[in-house]
PDB file of N, CA and C in Angstrom:
ATOM      1  N   MET A   1    -164.222  18.181 116.642  1.00  0.00           N
ATOM      2  CA  MET A   1    -163.546  17.604 116.023  1.00  0.00           C
ATOM      3  C   MET A   1    -163.288  15.703 116.101  1.00  0.00           C
ATOM      4  N   LEU A   2    -163.567  15.769 117.207  1.00  0.00           N
ATOM      5  CA  LEU A   2    -162.992  14.387 117.583  1.00  0.00           C
ATOM      6  C   LEU A   2    -164.037  13.460 117.438  1.00  0.00           C
ATOM      7  N   GLU A   3    -164.781  13.762 117.797  1.00  0.00           N
ATOM      8  CA  GLU A   3    -166.645  13.325 117.559  1.00  0.00           C
ATOM      9  C   GLU A   3    -166.931  13.702 116.630  1.00  0.00           C
ATOM     10  N   ASP A   4    -166.605  14.318 115.372  1.00  0.00           N
ATOM     11  CA  ASP A   4    -167.008  13.736 113.604  1.00  0.00           C
ATOM     12  C   ASP A   4    -166.072  12.366 112.956  1.00  0.00           C
ATOM     13  N   LEU A   5    -164.339  13.135 113.572  1.00  0.00           N
ATOM     14  CA  LEU A   5    -163.818  11.913 113.051  1.00  0.00           C
ATOM     15  C   LEU A   5    -164.029  10.320 113.378  1.00  0.00           C
ATOM     16  N   ASP A   6    -164.570  10.836 114.918  1.00  0.00           N
ATOM     17  CA  ASP A   6    -165.364   9.252 115.207  1.00  0.00           C
ATOM     18  C   ASP A   6    -167.038   8.542 114.489  1.00  0.00           C
ATOM     19  N   ARG A   7    -167.384   9.696 114.577  1.00  0.00           N
ATOM     20  CA  ARG A   7    -168.328   9.693 113.119  1.00  0.00           C
ATOM     21  C   ARG A   7    -168.406   8.834 112.082  1.00  0.00           C
ATOM     22  N   ARG A   8    -166.830   9.860 111.513  1.00  0.00           N
ATOM     23  CA  ARG A   8    -167.084   8.864 109.869  1.00  0.00           C
ATOM     24  C   ARG A   8    -166.398   7.288 109.779  1.00  0.00           C
ATOM     25  N   LEU A   9    -164.930   7.493 110.612  1.00  0.00           N
ATOM     26  CA  LEU A   9    -165.138   6.141 111.757  1.00  0.00           C
ATOM     27  C   LEU A   9    -166.108   4.971 111.692  1.00  0.00           C
ATOM     28  N   LEU A  10    -166.883   5.395 111.874  1.00  0.00           N
ATOM     29  CA  LEU A  10    -167.952   4.628 112.268  1.00  0.00           C
ATOM     30  C   LEU A  10    -168.787   3.968 111.025  1.00  0.00           C
ATOM     31  N   GLU A  11    -168.689   5.627 109.944  1.00  0.00           N
ATOM     32  CA  GLU A  11    -170.110   4.987 109.073  1.00  0.00           C
ATOM     33  C   GLU A  11    -169.549   4.426 107.372  1.00  0.00           C
ATOM     34  N   ALA A  12    -167.420   4.770 107.774  1.00  0.00           N
ATOM     35  CA  ALA A  12    -166.416   3.461 106.941  1.00  0.00           C
ATOM     36  C   ALA A  12    -166.854   2.388 107.248  1.00  0.00           C
ATOM     37  N   HIS A  13    -166.459   2.207 108.770  1.00  0.00           N
ATOM     38  CA  HIS A  13    -167.269   0.713 108.938  1.00  0.00           C
ATOM     39  C   HIS A  13    -168.364   0.320 108.697  1.00  0.00           C
ATOM     40  N   ALA A  14    -169.281   1.104 108.797  1.00  0.00           N
ATOM     41  CA  ALA A  14    -170.330   0.445 108.216  1.00  0.00           C
ATOM     42  C   ALA A  14    -170.495   0.377 107.342  1.00  0.00           C
ATOM     43  N   VAL A  15    -170.141   0.053 105.476  1.00  0.00           N
ATOM     44  CA  VAL A  15    -170.107   0.171 104.945  1.00  0.00           C
ATOM     45  C   VAL A  15    -169.029  -0.800 103.864  1.00  0.00           C
ATOM     46  N   ASP A  16    -168.507  -0.556 105.138  1.00  0.00           N
ATOM     47  CA  ASP A  16    -166.430  -1.768 104.528  1.00  0.00           C
ATOM     48  C   ASP A  16    -166.055  -0.216 103.469  1.00  0.00           C
ATOM     49  N   ASP A  17    -165.797   0.436 104.002  1.00  0.00           N
ATOM     50  CA  ASP A  17    -164.713   1.517 103.078  1.00  0.00           C
ATOM     51  C   ASP A  17    -163.120   0.951 102.900  1.00  0.00           C
ATOM     52  N   ARG A  18    -161.880   0.800 103.020  1.00  0.00           N
ATOM     53  CA  ARG A  18    -161.502   0.410 102.467  1.00  0.00           C
ATOM     54  C   ARG A  18    -160.288   1.661 102.884  1.00  0.00           C
ATOM     55  N   GLY A  19    -160.375   2.492 101.800  1.00  0.00           N
ATOM     56  CA  GLY A  19    -159.601   3.509 101.018  1.00  0.00           C
ATOM     57  C   GLY A  19    -160.330   4.628 102.294  1.00  0.00           C
ATOM     58  N   ALA A  20    -161.689   4.237 102.771  1.00  0.00           N
ATOM     59  CA  ALA A  20    -162.103   5.872 103.785  1.00  0.00           C
ATOM     60  C   ALA A  20    -161.091   5.005 105.187  1.00  0.00           C
ATOM     61  N   LEU A  21    -161.407   3.849 105.756  1.00  0.00           N
ATOM     62  CA  LEU A  21    -160.275   3.714 106.490  1.00  0.00           C
ATOM     63  C   LEU A  21    -158.597   4.172 106.479  1.00  0.00           C
ATOM     64  N   ILE A  22    -159.034   3.765 105.545  1.00  0.00           N
ATOM     65  CA  ILE A  22    -156.676   3.837 105.386  1.00  0.00           C
ATOM     66  C   ILE A  22    -156.699   5.548 106.258  1.00  0.00           C
ATOM     67  N   GLN A  23    -157.855   6.033 105.190  1.00  0.00           N
ATOM     68  CA  GLN A  23    -157.293   8.003 105.341  1.00  0.00           C
ATOM     69  C   GLN A  23    -157.278   8.161 106.365  1.00  0.00           C
ATOM     70  N   LEU A  24    -158.351   8.041 106.859  1.00  0.00           N
ATOM     71  CA  LEU A  24    -159.768   8.160 108.199  1.00  0.00           C
ATOM     72  C   LEU A  24    -158.348   7.804 109.423  1.00  0.00           C
ATOM     73  N   TYR A  25    -157.706   6.762 109.290  1.00  0.00           N
ATOM     74  CA  TYR A  25    -157.057   5.729 110.850  1.00  0.00           C
ATOM     75  C   TYR A  25    -156.180   6.829 110.740  1.00  0.00           C
ATOM     76  N   GLN A  26    -155.326   7.285 109.660  1.00  0.00           N
ATOM     77  CA  GLN A  26    -154.468   7.977 109.548  1.00  0.00           C
ATOM     78  C   GLN A  26    -154.657   9.350 110.050  1.00  0.00           C
ATOM     79  N   GLU A  27    -155.082  10.393 109.766  1.00  0.00           N
ATOM     80  CA  GLU A  27    -155.991  11.379 110.273  1.00  0.00           C
ATOM     81  C   GLU A  27    -155.883  11.194 111.525  1.00  0.00           C
ATOM     82  N   ALA A  28    -156.417  10.077 112.331  1.00  0.00           N
ATOM     83  CA  ALA A  28    -156.830   9.692 113.390  1.00  0.00           C
ATOM     84  C   ALA A  28    -155.539   9.506 114.438  1.00  0.00           C
ATOM     85  N   SER A  29    -154.494   8.868 113.574  1.00  0.00           N
ATOM     86  CA  SER A  29    -153.028   9.058 114.145  1.00  0.00           C
ATOM     87  C   SER A  29    -152.815  10.138 114.441  1.00  0.00           C
ATOM     88  N   GLY A  30    -152.882  11.156 113.371  1.00  0.00           N
ATOM     89  CA  GLY A  30    -152.557  13.400 113.732  1.00  0.00           C
ATOM     90  C   GLY A  30    -153.203  13.351 114.779  1.00  0.00           C
ATOM     91  N   ALA A  31    -154.474  12.897 115.475  1.00  0.00           N
ATOM     92  CA  ALA A  31    -154.619  13.968 116.052  1.00  0.00           C
ATOM     93  C   ALA A  31    -154.978  13.519 117.117  1.00  0.00           C
ATOM     94  N   ALA A  32    -154.943  12.250 117.514  1.00  0.00           N
ATOM     95  CA  ALA A  32    -153.911  11.102 118.670  1.00  0.00           C
ATOM     96  C   ALA A  32    -153.457  12.768 119.708  1.00  0.00           C
ATOM     97  N   ARG A  33    -154.090  11.845 121.003  1.00  0.00           N
ATOM     98  CA  ARG A  33    -153.253  13.088 122.106  1.00  0.00           C
ATOM     99  C   ARG A  33    -151.984  11.922 123.001  1.00  0.00           C
ATOM    100  N   SER A  34    -151.628  10.564 121.779  1.00  0.00           N
ATOM    101  CA  SER A  34    -150.862   9.914 123.902  1.00  0.00           C
ATOM    102  C   SER A  34    -149.878   9.529 121.850  1.00  0.00           C
ATOM    103  N   VAL A  35    -148.919   8.896 122.500  1.00  0.00           N
ATOM    104  CA  VAL A  35    -148.075   8.409 121.511  1.00  0.00           C
ATOM    105  C   VAL A  35    -148.868   7.138 120.756  1.00  0.00           C
ATOM    106  N   VAL A  36    -148.728   5.913 122.907  1.00  0.00           N
ATOM    107  CA  VAL A  36    -149.975   4.714 122.445  1.00  0.00           C
ATOM    108  C   VAL A  36    -151.570   5.644 121.324  1.00  0.00           C
ATOM    109  N   ALA A  37    -151.916   6.549 121.722  1.00  0.00           N
ATOM    110  CA  ALA A  37    -153.558   6.240 120.524  1.00  0.00           C
ATOM    111  C   ALA A  37    -152.720   6.304 119.166  1.00  0.00           C
ATOM    112  N   ARG A  38    -151.157   7.108 119.026  1.00  0.00           N
ATOM    113  CA  ARG A  38    -151.366   7.407 117.341  1.00  0.00           C
ATOM    114  C   ARG A  38    -150.793   5.904 116.951  1.00  0.00           C
ATOM    115  N   ASN A  39    -149.829   5.549 118.144  1.00  0.00           N
ATOM    116  CA  ASN A  39    -149.534   4.770 116.570  1.00  0.00           C
ATOM    117  C   ASN A  39    -150.728   3.424 116.706  1.00  0.00           C
ATOM    118  N   PHE A  40    -151.584   2.945 117.574  1.00  0.00           N
ATOM    119  CA  PHE A  40    -152.932   2.291 117.833  1.00  0.00           C
ATOM    120  C   PHE A  40    -153.843   2.093 116.379  1.00  0.00           C
ATOM    121  N   TYR A  41    -153.532   4.150 116.076  1.00  0.00           N
ATOM    122  CA  TYR A  41    -154.907   4.659 115.002  1.00  0.00           C
ATOM    123  C   TYR A  41    -153.925   4.291 114.238  1.00  0.00           C
ATOM    124  N   LEU A  42    -152.742   4.691 113.720  1.00  0.00           N
ATOM    125  CA  LEU A  42    -151.791   3.979 111.965  1.00  0.00           C
ATOM    126  C   LEU A  42    -151.270   2.953 112.422  1.00  0.00           C
ATOM    127  N   THR A  43    -151.215   1.657 113.076  1.00  0.00           N
ATOM    128  CA  THR A  43    -151.225   0.680 112.778  1.00  0.00           C
ATOM    129  C   THR A  43    -152.773  -0.116 111.771  1.00  0.00           C
ATOM    130  N   HIS A  44    -154.240  -0.108 112.594  1.00  0.00           N
ATOM    131  CA  HIS A  44    -155.209   0.508 111.971  1.00  0.00           C
ATOM    132  C   HIS A  44    -154.748   0.799 110.737  1.00  0.00           C
ATOM    133  N   ALA A  45    -153.967   2.053 110.728  1.00  0.00           N
ATOM    134  CA  ALA A  45    -154.456   2.547 108.817  1.00  0.00           C
ATOM    135  C   ALA A  45    -153.574   1.769 108.156  1.00  0.00           C
ATOM    136  N   TYR A  46    -152.249   1.093 108.733  1.00  0.00           N
ATOM    137  CA  TYR A  46    -151.152   0.292 108.337  1.00  0.00           C
ATOM    138  C   TYR A  46    -152.055  -1.435 107.519  1.00  0.00           C
ATOM    139  N   VAL A  47    -152.878  -1.949 108.932  1.00  0.00           N
ATOM    140  CA  VAL A  47    -152.958  -3.346 108.102  1.00  0.00           C
ATOM    141  C   VAL A  47    -154.908  -3.215 107.487  1.00  0.00           C
ATOM    142  N   TYR A  48    -155.429  -1.974 106.961  1.00  0.00           N
ATOM    143  CA  TYR A  48    -156.347  -1.456 106.284  1.00  0.00           C
ATOM    144  C   TYR A  48    -155.489  -1.828 105.062  1.00  0.00           C
ATOM    145  N   ALA A  49    -154.411  -1.189 104.908  1.00  0.00           N
ATOM    146  CA  ALA A  49    -153.460  -0.474 103.478  1.00  0.00           C
ATOM    147  C   ALA A  49    -153.263  -1.809 102.751  1.00  0.00           C
ATOM    148  N   LEU A  50    -153.089  -2.856 104.002  1.00  0.00           N
ATOM    149  CA  LEU A  50    -152.051  -4.158 103.167  1.00  0.00           C
ATOM    150  C   LEU A  50    -153.001  -5.137 103.223  1.00  0.00           C
ATOM    151  N   GLU A  51    -153.667  -5.379 103.565  1.00  0.00           N
ATOM    152  CA  GLU A  51    -155.657  -6.101 102.996  1.00  0.00           C
ATOM    153  C   GLU A  51    -155.811  -5.398 101.644  1.00  0.00           C
ATOM    154  N   ALA A  52    -155.795  -4.024 101.629  1.00  0.00           N
ATOM    155  CA  ALA A  52    -155.767  -3.600 100.313  1.00  0.00           C
ATOM    156  C   ALA A  52    -155.179  -3.767  99.364  1.00  0.00           C
ATOM    157  N   GLY A  53    -153.656  -4.091  99.451  1.00  0.00           N
ATOM    158  CA  GLY A  53    -152.651  -4.161  98.718  1.00  0.00           C
ATOM    159  C   GLY A  53    -152.177  -2.683  97.888  1.00  0.00           C
ATOM    160  N   VAL A  54    -152.680  -1.961  98.969  1.00  0.00           N
ATOM    161  CA  VAL A  54    -152.654  -0.448  97.853  1.00  0.00           C
ATOM    162  C   VAL A  54    -150.781  -0.384  98.455  1.00  0.00           C
ATOM    163  N   PRO A  55    -150.074   0.961  97.322  1.00  0.00           N
ATOM    164  CA  PRO A  55    -148.481   1.545  98.101  1.00  0.00           C
ATOM    165  C   PRO A  55    -147.969   2.482  99.689  1.00  0.00           C
ATOM    166  N   GLU A  56    -149.477   2.757  98.989  1.00  0.00           N
ATOM    167  CA  GLU A  56    -150.014   3.996 100.658  1.00  0.00           C
ATOM    168  C   GLU A  56    -149.143   2.353 102.195  1.00  0.00           C
ATOM    169  N   ALA A  57    -149.186   0.898 101.896  1.00  0.00           N
ATOM    170  CA  ALA A  57    -148.312  -0.103 102.890  1.00  0.00           C
ATOM    171  C   ALA A  57    -147.528   0.331 103.797  1.00  0.00           C
ATOM    172  N   ASP A  58    -146.565   0.835 102.385  1.00  0.00           N
ATOM    173  CA  ASP A  58    -144.670   0.977 102.349  1.00  0.00           C
ATOM    174  C   ASP A  58    -145.107   1.878 103.728  1.00  0.00           C
ATOM    175  N   CYS A  59    -145.256   2.788 103.105  1.00  0.00           N
ATOM    176  CA  CYS A  59    -144.818   4.658 104.422  1.00  0.00           C
ATOM    177  C   CYS A  59    -145.617   4.158 104.980  1.00  0.00           C
ATOM    178  N   LEU A  60    -146.977   3.293 105.263  1.00  0.00           N
ATOM    179  CA  LEU A  60    -146.990   4.041 106.397  1.00  0.00           C
ATOM    180  C   LEU A  60    -145.872   2.545 107.446  1.00  0.00           C
ATOM    181  N   ARG A  61    -145.787   1.526 106.975  1.00  0.00           N
ATOM    182  CA  ARG A  61    -144.839   0.439 107.667  1.00  0.00           C
ATOM    183  C   ARG A  61    -143.718   1.040 108.085  1.00  0.00           C
ATOM    184  N   LYS A  62    -142.724   2.238 107.033  1.00  0.00           N
ATOM    185  CA  LYS A  62    -141.951   3.112 107.453  1.00  0.00           C
ATOM    186  C   LYS A  62    -142.113   3.522 109.078  1.00  0.00           C
ATOM    187  N   ARG A  63    -143.284   4.879 108.609  1.00  0.00           N
ATOM    188  CA  ARG A  63    -143.795   5.460 109.712  1.00  0.00           C
ATOM    189  C   ARG A  63    -143.777   4.617 110.794  1.00  0.00           C
ATOM    190  N   LEU A  64    -144.452   4.358 110.975  1.00  0.00           N
ATOM    191  CA  LEU A  64    -144.208   3.132 112.135  1.00  0.00           C
ATOM    192  C   LEU A  64    -143.216   1.792 113.337  1.00  0.00           C
ATOM    193  N   VAL A  65    -142.827   1.780 111.736  1.00  0.00           N
ATOM    194  CA  VAL A  65    -140.559   2.009 112.489  1.00  0.00           C
ATOM    195  C   VAL A  65    -140.073   3.267 113.233  1.00  0.00           C
ATOM    196  N   GLU A  66    -139.530   4.410 112.328  1.00  0.00           N
ATOM    197  CA  GLU A  66    -138.674   5.472 112.869  1.00  0.00           C
ATOM    198  C   GLU A  66    -140.648   6.109 114.109  1.00  0.00           C
ATOM    199  N   TYR A  67    -141.191   4.753 114.662  1.00  0.00           N
ATOM    200  CA  TYR A  67    -142.165   5.522 115.651  1.00  0.00           C
ATOM    201  C   TYR A  67    -141.552   4.229 117.353  1.00  0.00           C
ATOM    202  N   GLY A  68    -141.050   3.576 116.413  1.00  0.00           N
ATOM    203  CA  GLY A  68    -140.769   2.429 117.159  1.00  0.00           C
ATOM    204  C   GLY A  68    -141.836   1.191 117.936  1.00  0.00           C
ATOM    205  N   ALA A  69    -142.474   2.120 116.619  1.00  0.00           N
ATOM    206  CA  ALA A  69    -144.179   0.814 116.595  1.00  0.00           C
ATOM    207  C   ALA A  69    -144.035  -0.539 115.921  1.00  0.00           C
ATOM    208  N   GLU A  70    -143.198  -0.650 115.726  1.00  0.00           N
ATOM    209  CA  GLU A  70    -142.410  -1.569 114.327  1.00  0.00           C
ATOM    210  C   GLU A  70    -141.184  -2.356 114.526  1.00  0.00           C
ATOM    211  N   THR A  71    -140.625  -4.016 114.409  1.00  0.00           N
ATOM    212  CA  THR A  71    -139.403  -3.664 113.722  1.00  0.00           C
ATOM    213  C   THR A  71    -138.463  -3.174 112.913  1.00  0.00           C
ATOM    214  N   PRO A  72    -137.328  -2.884 112.460  1.00  0.00           N
ATOM    215  CA  PRO A  72    -137.113  -2.792 111.075  1.00  0.00           C
ATOM    216  C   PRO A  72    -137.122  -4.748 110.199  1.00  0.00           C
ATOM    217  N   ASP A  73    -137.593  -4.332 109.870  1.00  0.00           N
ATOM    218  CA  ASP A  73    -136.172  -5.879 108.488  1.00  0.00           C
ATOM    219  C   ASP A  73    -135.350  -6.264 108.761  1.00  0.00           C
TER     220      ASP A  73
END
């Protein structure tokens, strides 16, 4: 499963598919085996969402705040 996710992430990066990257990094955060990895992947999803200007960015930031990986306003 993780190998498939890695492959899909690499493919999305190769074609700069921001929508796919947001979704795939969220998927990776859910599959992560540690808190550090979860927050790492979720941060990537958040950054790509910010760059794409999609409303998902707000929800992703809230999750990061809940996890203690981002400071509240």
